[in-house]
Amino acid sequence: MEHVIAMLIKVIMTLAVLWIVLGGFYGMEFWPMILGTTIVLGILSYFAGDLIILPAAGNITATISDLVLTFLVVWLMGLWLTDLSGGEVAVAAIISAVIIVVGEYLFHIYLLKNGPVARHRKYSRV
């Protein structure tokens, strides 16, 4: 159940940012761009960044990896799913990544103190 709650927090945060930035400022469609990117990004960043990198390397490293991953996923999916120029998509991806990474940093603190990562770390030290 902890993983479900953590994923819901991550999806809601990511969806809100992408909807505002990509939909509101760049006019990208909700489906497939905004929701599709949220799903792909949520799965990749939760399993790679939050469950593997965060416990092994800490919050700063996991946050930097989330920044890079978010930029790449938004940029590549934007190139694939929209008619915007590469430069416009890159700027939208940078803005999205910077905003999302602030939330990710705080989300990592939650995971390390109260979430599934904290529970796993507590039992792995025994």
N, C-alpha and C. Protein backbone atom coordinates (compact mmCIF):
# COMPACT_ATOMS: atom_id res chain seq x y z
N MET A 1 0.82 -1.20 0.00
CA MET A 1 0.00 0.00 0.00
C MET A 1 0.86 1.26 0.00
N GLU A 2 2.03 1.19 0.65
CA GLU A 2 2.92 2.36 0.68
C GLU A 2 3.38 2.76 -0.72
N HIS A 3 3.63 1.77 -1.57
CA HIS A 3 4.06 2.07 -2.94
C HIS A 3 2.93 2.73 -3.73
N VAL A 4 1.71 2.31 -3.49
CA VAL A 4 0.56 2.90 -4.18
C VAL A 4 0.41 4.37 -3.78
N ILE A 5 0.51 4.65 -2.50
CA ILE A 5 0.41 6.03 -2.01
C ILE A 5 1.54 6.88 -2.58
N ALA A 6 2.74 6.35 -2.56
CA ALA A 6 3.89 7.08 -3.10
C ALA A 6 3.72 7.36 -4.59
N MET A 7 3.26 6.36 -5.33
CA MET A 7 3.05 6.55 -6.77
C MET A 7 1.95 7.58 -7.03
N LEU A 8 0.90 7.56 -6.23
CA LEU A 8 -0.18 8.55 -6.39
C LEU A 8 0.33 9.97 -6.16
N ILE A 9 1.14 10.15 -5.13
CA ILE A 9 1.72 11.47 -4.87
C ILE A 9 2.55 11.91 -6.06
N LYS A 10 3.39 11.03 -6.56
CA LYS A 10 4.27 11.34 -7.68
C LYS A 10 3.47 11.66 -8.94
N VAL A 11 2.45 10.85 -9.24
CA VAL A 11 1.64 11.06 -10.44
C VAL A 11 0.86 12.36 -10.37
N ILE A 12 0.26 12.65 -9.22
CA ILE A 12 -0.51 13.89 -9.08
C ILE A 12 0.41 15.10 -9.24
N MET A 13 1.57 15.06 -8.61
CA MET A 13 2.51 16.17 -8.72
C MET A 13 2.97 16.36 -10.16
N THR A 14 3.37 15.28 -10.81
CA THR A 14 3.88 15.36 -12.18
C THR A 14 2.78 15.80 -13.14
N LEU A 15 1.59 15.22 -13.00
CA LEU A 15 0.47 15.57 -13.87
C LEU A 15 0.12 17.04 -13.75
N ALA A 16 0.09 17.56 -12.53
CA ALA A 16 -0.25 18.97 -12.33
C ALA A 16 0.77 19.88 -13.01
N VAL A 17 2.04 19.59 -12.83
CA VAL A 17 3.09 20.43 -13.44
C VAL A 17 3.02 20.35 -14.96
N LEU A 18 2.93 19.14 -15.50
CA LEU A 18 2.90 18.99 -16.96
C LEU A 18 1.64 19.61 -17.56
N TRP A 19 0.52 19.50 -16.87
CA TRP A 19 -0.72 20.07 -17.37
C TRP A 19 -0.61 21.60 -17.44
N ILE A 20 -0.03 22.19 -16.41
CA ILE A 20 0.12 23.65 -16.40
C ILE A 20 1.15 24.09 -17.44
N VAL A 21 2.33 23.49 -17.43
CA VAL A 21 3.40 23.94 -18.32
C VAL A 21 3.11 23.54 -19.77
N LEU A 22 2.93 22.25 -20.01
CA LEU A 22 2.78 21.78 -21.39
C LEU A 22 1.41 22.13 -21.96
N GLY A 23 0.37 21.97 -21.17
CA GLY A 23 -0.97 22.27 -21.66
C GLY A 23 -1.28 23.76 -21.65
N GLY A 24 -1.01 24.39 -20.52
CA GLY A 24 -1.35 25.80 -20.36
C GLY A 24 -0.49 26.75 -21.17
N PHE A 25 0.80 26.53 -21.17
CA PHE A 25 1.71 27.46 -21.84
C PHE A 25 2.07 27.05 -23.27
N TYR A 26 2.03 25.77 -23.55
CA TYR A 26 2.46 25.30 -24.87
C TYR A 26 1.33 24.67 -25.68
N GLY A 27 0.14 24.59 -25.13
CA GLY A 27 -1.01 24.10 -25.86
C GLY A 27 -0.96 22.64 -26.27
N MET A 28 -0.17 21.84 -25.55
CA MET A 28 -0.09 20.42 -25.88
C MET A 28 -1.34 19.71 -25.39
N GLU A 29 -1.73 18.67 -26.11
CA GLU A 29 -2.94 17.93 -25.79
C GLU A 29 -2.76 17.10 -24.51
N PHE A 30 -3.89 16.96 -23.78
CA PHE A 30 -3.84 16.17 -22.55
C PHE A 30 -3.47 14.73 -22.85
N TRP A 31 -4.15 14.14 -23.83
CA TRP A 31 -3.80 12.80 -24.28
C TRP A 31 -3.38 12.89 -25.72
N PRO A 32 -2.29 12.38 -26.12
CA PRO A 32 -1.41 11.47 -25.41
C PRO A 32 -0.24 12.16 -24.69
N MET A 33 0.01 13.43 -24.99
CA MET A 33 1.25 14.06 -24.52
C MET A 33 1.33 14.17 -23.00
N ILE A 34 0.40 14.85 -22.37
CA ILE A 34 0.53 15.15 -20.95
C ILE A 34 0.35 13.90 -20.09
N LEU A 35 -0.75 13.18 -20.31
CA LEU A 35 -0.99 11.97 -19.52
C LEU A 35 0.00 10.87 -19.86
N GLY A 36 0.31 10.71 -21.14
CA GLY A 36 1.28 9.68 -21.55
C GLY A 36 2.66 9.93 -20.97
N THR A 37 3.09 11.18 -20.99
CA THR A 37 4.39 11.53 -20.42
C THR A 37 4.39 11.33 -18.92
N THR A 38 3.29 11.66 -18.26
CA THR A 38 3.18 11.44 -16.81
C THR A 38 3.33 9.97 -16.47
N ILE A 39 2.69 9.11 -17.24
CA ILE A 39 2.75 7.67 -16.98
C ILE A 39 4.17 7.14 -17.20
N VAL A 40 4.76 7.47 -18.34
CA VAL A 40 6.12 6.99 -18.65
C VAL A 40 7.11 7.51 -17.61
N LEU A 41 7.04 8.80 -17.35
CA LEU A 41 7.96 9.42 -16.39
C LEU A 41 7.76 8.86 -14.99
N GLY A 42 6.51 8.67 -14.59
CA GLY A 42 6.23 8.14 -13.26
C GLY A 42 6.82 6.76 -13.05
N ILE A 43 6.63 5.89 -14.03
CA ILE A 43 7.16 4.52 -13.92
C ILE A 43 8.68 4.53 -13.90
N LEU A 44 9.29 5.21 -14.87
CA LEU A 44 10.76 5.22 -14.94
C LEU A 44 11.40 5.86 -13.71
N SER A 45 10.90 7.03 -13.32
CA SER A 45 11.56 7.74 -12.22
C SER A 45 11.29 7.08 -10.87
N TYR A 46 10.12 6.44 -10.70
CA TYR A 46 9.86 5.80 -9.42
C TYR A 46 10.76 4.58 -9.23
N PHE A 47 10.80 3.73 -10.23
CA PHE A 47 11.59 2.51 -10.06
C PHE A 47 13.09 2.77 -10.13
N ALA A 48 13.54 3.58 -11.06
CA ALA A 48 14.98 3.84 -11.18
C ALA A 48 15.47 4.84 -10.14
N GLY A 49 14.83 6.00 -10.08
CA GLY A 49 15.30 7.07 -9.21
C GLY A 49 14.96 6.89 -7.75
N ASP A 50 13.70 6.55 -7.48
CA ASP A 50 13.23 6.52 -6.09
C ASP A 50 13.55 5.22 -5.36
N LEU A 51 13.48 4.11 -6.06
CA LEU A 51 13.71 2.83 -5.38
C LEU A 51 15.14 2.29 -5.53
N ILE A 52 15.88 2.77 -6.52
CA ILE A 52 17.25 2.27 -6.71
C ILE A 52 18.29 3.35 -6.37
N ILE A 53 18.22 4.49 -7.04
CA ILE A 53 19.25 5.53 -6.86
C ILE A 53 19.13 6.21 -5.49
N LEU A 54 17.92 6.57 -5.08
CA LEU A 54 17.73 7.28 -3.80
C LEU A 54 18.31 6.52 -2.61
N PRO A 55 17.97 5.25 -2.40
CA PRO A 55 18.54 4.56 -1.24
C PRO A 55 20.05 4.34 -1.35
N ALA A 56 20.54 4.17 -2.57
CA ALA A 56 21.96 3.88 -2.75
C ALA A 56 22.85 5.12 -2.71
N ALA A 57 22.37 6.23 -3.28
CA ALA A 57 23.25 7.38 -3.45
C ALA A 57 22.77 8.65 -2.76
N GLY A 58 21.54 8.68 -2.26
CA GLY A 58 21.07 9.84 -1.53
C GLY A 58 20.21 10.78 -2.36
N ASN A 59 19.69 11.79 -1.67
CA ASN A 59 18.70 12.69 -2.25
C ASN A 59 19.27 13.55 -3.38
N ILE A 60 20.44 14.10 -3.20
CA ILE A 60 21.00 15.00 -4.22
C ILE A 60 21.23 14.26 -5.54
N THR A 61 21.84 13.10 -5.47
CA THR A 61 22.10 12.31 -6.67
C THR A 61 20.80 11.87 -7.33
N ALA A 62 19.84 11.43 -6.54
CA ALA A 62 18.54 11.02 -7.08
C ALA A 62 17.81 12.20 -7.70
N THR A 63 17.92 13.37 -7.10
CA THR A 63 17.26 14.56 -7.63
C THR A 63 17.89 14.97 -8.96
N ILE A 64 19.21 14.93 -9.04
CA ILE A 64 19.89 15.26 -10.30
C ILE A 64 19.50 14.26 -11.38
N SER A 65 19.44 12.98 -11.03
CA SER A 65 19.04 11.98 -12.02
C SER A 65 17.59 12.20 -12.46
N ASP A 66 16.73 12.62 -11.54
CA ASP A 66 15.34 12.94 -11.90
C ASP A 66 15.28 14.15 -12.84
N LEU A 67 16.13 15.13 -12.62
CA LEU A 67 16.17 16.30 -13.49
C LEU A 67 16.51 15.88 -14.92
N VAL A 68 17.56 15.10 -15.06
CA VAL A 68 17.99 14.65 -16.38
C VAL A 68 16.92 13.76 -17.03
N LEU A 69 16.40 12.81 -16.26
CA LEU A 69 15.39 11.90 -16.79
C LEU A 69 14.13 12.65 -17.21
N THR A 70 13.68 13.58 -16.38
CA THR A 70 12.48 14.35 -16.71
C THR A 70 12.68 15.15 -17.98
N PHE A 71 13.82 15.83 -18.09
CA PHE A 71 14.09 16.59 -19.31
C PHE A 71 14.06 15.68 -20.53
N LEU A 72 14.76 14.56 -20.47
CA LEU A 72 14.85 13.66 -21.62
C LEU A 72 13.49 13.08 -22.01
N VAL A 73 12.72 12.63 -21.03
CA VAL A 73 11.40 12.03 -21.33
C VAL A 73 10.46 13.08 -21.92
N VAL A 74 10.37 14.25 -21.31
CA VAL A 74 9.48 15.29 -21.82
C VAL A 74 9.92 15.74 -23.21
N TRP A 75 11.21 15.93 -23.39
CA TRP A 75 11.74 16.39 -24.67
C TRP A 75 11.51 15.36 -25.78
N LEU A 76 11.87 14.11 -25.53
CA LEU A 76 11.72 13.08 -26.55
C LEU A 76 10.25 12.80 -26.87
N MET A 77 9.41 12.73 -25.85
CA MET A 77 7.99 12.50 -26.11
C MET A 77 7.36 13.71 -26.79
N GLY A 78 7.83 14.90 -26.45
CA GLY A 78 7.34 16.11 -27.10
C GLY A 78 7.71 16.15 -28.58
N LEU A 79 8.92 15.72 -28.89
CA LEU A 79 9.33 15.65 -30.30
C LEU A 79 8.49 14.64 -31.06
N TRP A 80 8.17 13.55 -30.39
CA TRP A 80 7.43 12.46 -31.01
C TRP A 80 5.94 12.77 -31.15
N LEU A 81 5.35 13.40 -30.12
CA LEU A 81 3.90 13.52 -30.06
C LEU A 81 3.34 14.90 -30.41
N THR A 82 4.19 15.88 -30.68
CA THR A 82 3.69 17.22 -30.99
C THR A 82 4.28 17.72 -32.30
N ASP A 83 3.70 18.80 -32.78
CA ASP A 83 4.21 19.45 -34.00
C ASP A 83 5.08 20.65 -33.68
N LEU A 84 5.41 20.85 -32.41
CA LEU A 84 6.24 21.99 -32.03
C LEU A 84 7.68 21.77 -32.48
N SER A 85 8.41 22.86 -32.62
CA SER A 85 9.81 22.76 -33.01
C SER A 85 10.63 22.15 -31.87
N GLY A 86 11.80 21.63 -32.23
CA GLY A 86 12.67 21.02 -31.22
C GLY A 86 13.07 22.00 -30.14
N GLY A 87 13.27 23.26 -30.51
CA GLY A 87 13.63 24.28 -29.53
C GLY A 87 12.51 24.57 -28.56
N GLU A 88 11.28 24.68 -29.07
CA GLU A 88 10.13 24.91 -28.19
C GLU A 88 9.93 23.76 -27.23
N VAL A 89 10.07 22.55 -27.74
CA VAL A 89 9.91 21.37 -26.88
C VAL A 89 11.02 21.32 -25.84
N ALA A 90 12.23 21.68 -26.24
CA ALA A 90 13.35 21.67 -25.29
C ALA A 90 13.13 22.67 -24.16
N VAL A 91 12.65 23.87 -24.49
CA VAL A 91 12.38 24.87 -23.45
C VAL A 91 11.26 24.39 -22.53
N ALA A 92 10.21 23.81 -23.10
CA ALA A 92 9.11 23.27 -22.28
C ALA A 92 9.62 22.15 -21.38
N ALA A 93 10.53 21.33 -21.90
CA ALA A 93 11.10 20.23 -21.11
C ALA A 93 11.97 20.76 -19.97
N ILE A 94 12.75 21.80 -20.24
CA ILE A 94 13.60 22.39 -19.20
C ILE A 94 12.74 22.98 -18.08
N ILE A 95 11.73 23.75 -18.46
CA ILE A 95 10.85 24.37 -17.46
C ILE A 95 10.16 23.28 -16.63
N SER A 96 9.62 22.27 -17.31
CA SER A 96 8.95 21.18 -16.60
C SER A 96 9.90 20.46 -15.65
N ALA A 97 11.10 20.16 -16.14
CA ALA A 97 12.07 19.42 -15.33
C ALA A 97 12.48 20.20 -14.08
N VAL A 98 12.70 21.49 -14.23
CA VAL A 98 13.12 22.31 -13.08
C VAL A 98 12.02 22.37 -12.03
N ILE A 99 10.78 22.54 -12.45
CA ILE A 99 9.68 22.60 -11.49
C ILE A 99 9.46 21.23 -10.83
N ILE A 100 9.46 20.18 -11.64
CA ILE A 100 9.24 18.84 -11.11
C ILE A 100 10.34 18.44 -10.14
N VAL A 101 11.58 18.83 -10.42
CA VAL A 101 12.69 18.40 -9.57
C VAL A 101 12.61 19.03 -8.18
N VAL A 102 12.00 20.19 -8.05
CA VAL A 102 11.78 20.77 -6.72
C VAL A 102 10.84 19.87 -5.93
N GLY A 103 9.76 19.46 -6.58
CA GLY A 103 8.83 18.53 -5.93
C GLY A 103 9.47 17.18 -5.64
N GLU A 104 10.31 16.71 -6.55
CA GLU A 104 11.00 15.43 -6.36
C GLU A 104 11.92 15.48 -5.14
N TYR A 105 12.62 16.57 -4.96
CA TYR A 105 13.51 16.71 -3.80
C TYR A 105 12.71 16.53 -2.50
N LEU A 106 11.56 17.20 -2.43
CA LEU A 106 10.70 17.08 -1.24
C LEU A 106 10.08 15.68 -1.15
N PHE A 107 9.71 15.11 -2.28
CA PHE A 107 9.16 13.76 -2.32
C PHE A 107 10.20 12.75 -1.81
N HIS A 108 11.46 12.96 -2.16
CA HIS A 108 12.52 12.07 -1.68
C HIS A 108 12.66 12.14 -0.16
N ILE A 109 12.50 13.32 0.40
CA ILE A 109 12.56 13.46 1.86
C ILE A 109 11.44 12.63 2.49
N TYR A 110 10.24 12.72 1.91
CA TYR A 110 9.12 11.90 2.39
C TYR A 110 9.46 10.41 2.29
N LEU A 111 9.98 9.98 1.15
CA LEU A 111 10.31 8.57 0.96
C LEU A 111 11.36 8.09 1.96
N LEU A 112 12.34 8.93 2.23
CA LEU A 112 13.42 8.55 3.15
C LEU A 112 12.97 8.52 4.61
N LYS A 113 11.99 9.36 4.95
CA LYS A 113 11.55 9.43 6.35
C LYS A 113 10.33 8.56 6.65
N ASN A 114 9.36 8.52 5.74
CA ASN A 114 8.09 7.87 6.05
C ASN A 114 7.62 6.86 5.01
N GLY A 115 8.18 6.88 3.84
CA GLY A 115 7.67 6.07 2.75
C GLY A 115 8.31 4.70 2.67
N PRO A 116 8.08 4.02 1.55
CA PRO A 116 8.59 2.66 1.39
C PRO A 116 10.12 2.56 1.43
N VAL A 117 10.81 3.60 1.03
CA VAL A 117 12.27 3.58 1.07
C VAL A 117 12.74 3.55 2.52
N ALA A 118 12.09 4.31 3.38
CA ALA A 118 12.46 4.33 4.80
C ALA A 118 12.26 2.97 5.44
N ARG A 119 11.16 2.33 5.14
CA ARG A 119 10.87 1.02 5.71
C ARG A 119 11.88 -0.01 5.22
N HIS A 120 12.21 0.04 3.94
CA HIS A 120 13.18 -0.89 3.37
C HIS A 120 14.57 -0.68 3.99
N ARG A 121 14.96 0.58 4.13
CA ARG A 121 16.27 0.87 4.73
C ARG A 121 16.34 0.43 6.18
N LYS A 122 15.23 0.58 6.92
CA LYS A 122 15.20 0.19 8.32
C LYS A 122 15.40 -1.32 8.47
N TYR A 123 14.75 -2.11 7.62
CA TYR A 123 14.84 -3.56 7.72
C TYR A 123 16.12 -4.10 7.12
N SER A 124 16.72 -3.38 6.17
CA SER A 124 17.95 -3.89 5.56
C SER A 124 19.16 -3.69 6.46
N ARG A 125 19.04 -2.85 7.48
CA ARG A 125 20.16 -2.61 8.40
C ARG A 125 20.24 -3.66 9.49
N VAL A 126 19.20 -4.44 9.65
CA VAL A 126 19.15 -5.43 10.73
C VAL A 126 20.09 -6.57 10.44
